[in-house]
Amino acid sequence: MRTCAYTTPGILSGIGRRGIYGFLLVFAISASTCFAETVGPQLTLDPVNVKQEGSVSFSVLSVGIETRSDFPGPRFVPAQTEDGAFRLYMDVDSIQQVRFNEFTFTAYLVDVKAGGPRSTKVQITGNPNGLFRDAPVRVTFRVKGAASSVTGVIVMPVYNATKADLLLVDEQKEPAYVSISGSSNATLPIDLLPNSIPALTQGALMIKPDVPHDTLTLSVTYHTVPGGADKKQSVPLKIRFGPGLLGLALALCGGIALGLTARYLLTGNLGKDDERALHAILSAFVLGLIAEVIGVMMTAYGNSKLVLFDLDIDPRQLFPAFILAVLVSGGSAVVTWMKSMFGKTS
């Protein structure tokens, strides 16, 4: 039995040159057409400076053609070229922080003249340099089509994995005043509802107005622009507790009663000589109330201090209010006696 063997040259010799050339031409045309449909218009983004503190360069990777024409806001940030031939839509929800301080996001480039629900999907990577903070900036983009190249501008956020705190917190000159009789609002505002008895005990032991009774640490999570990386910052808040109006009223009444009693024991009279007892009691209550109101106004809303026995005290606290009422209602007799016991009063 004879075996027939065919070699490549033999096969090629049996095919005409025109057939080979025709086959190669058809293949080249088909490949170029498919490649053009896959690639589409070429998108590039120019580097941008951010507040003279750094810069961002961009790299663009074409993902492919998608049948999409709807790009609703605010998820998509729109822009277009100067001639209106192309529109660029940035997907804010797709922004991600990646390693090496880079960030990526997805964008869609639409050829307006081509029409139909077609868009070129691209993956854009931002490479930040410097110590700038996250911010929206104007970025110039360029689209190279089959015939020409056109430019446009898009306002988009850029990101930097800086470790510096971005929140500016005003220096707290004095502790925030929180009444234990109910909830209080701070500037943020924040509802503060303290435990009454522990807060009252803490306030009784620290009478100086510039010493906080407690410190509340707020842990704030935030990002500066849409899609930015979450940042965490701790903000300390100094707090002083107050007894409220009812507590101050009880402290005043108790101090006035004790002051009148001490005055009677030291002088034998509730007031001045030949002064009626009712008049002396009413005078003590009125003068004690006036002294407390003036003390609170001067220390809370002014730069004055209330100093008793060389101690800077806060009249909004129970113990200082009680002592102030004792001195006012007791008069000179009680003041003289307390000077001899504790020193000078100013």
Foldseek 3Di string as FASTA:
>chain_A
DDDDDADPVNVVVVDDPVVVVVVVVVVVVVVVVVVCQWPFKDKAWQKDDDPVFWIKHKDKAWDGKDQADDDDPPQWFWKAWPVRQKIKTWGLVQWDQDPPFKIKTKMWIDGVVVDGRMTTIMIMMMHMDGQDAKDWDKIKMWIGGPPGITIIITTGIDHGPHQDDPDDDDDDQAAAEAEQVAWDFDPVGDTDHDDQPVLLVLQVVDFARRDASDKDKDWDWDGDDRNYDIDIDIDIGGYHYFHDPVLLVVLLVLLLVLLQVVLCVQPVDSDDPPDDNVVLSVVLSVQLVVVLVVQQCCVVPHDDFAAFLNDGGRSRHSVNSSNSSSDSSNDPRVQVVVCVVRNHTD
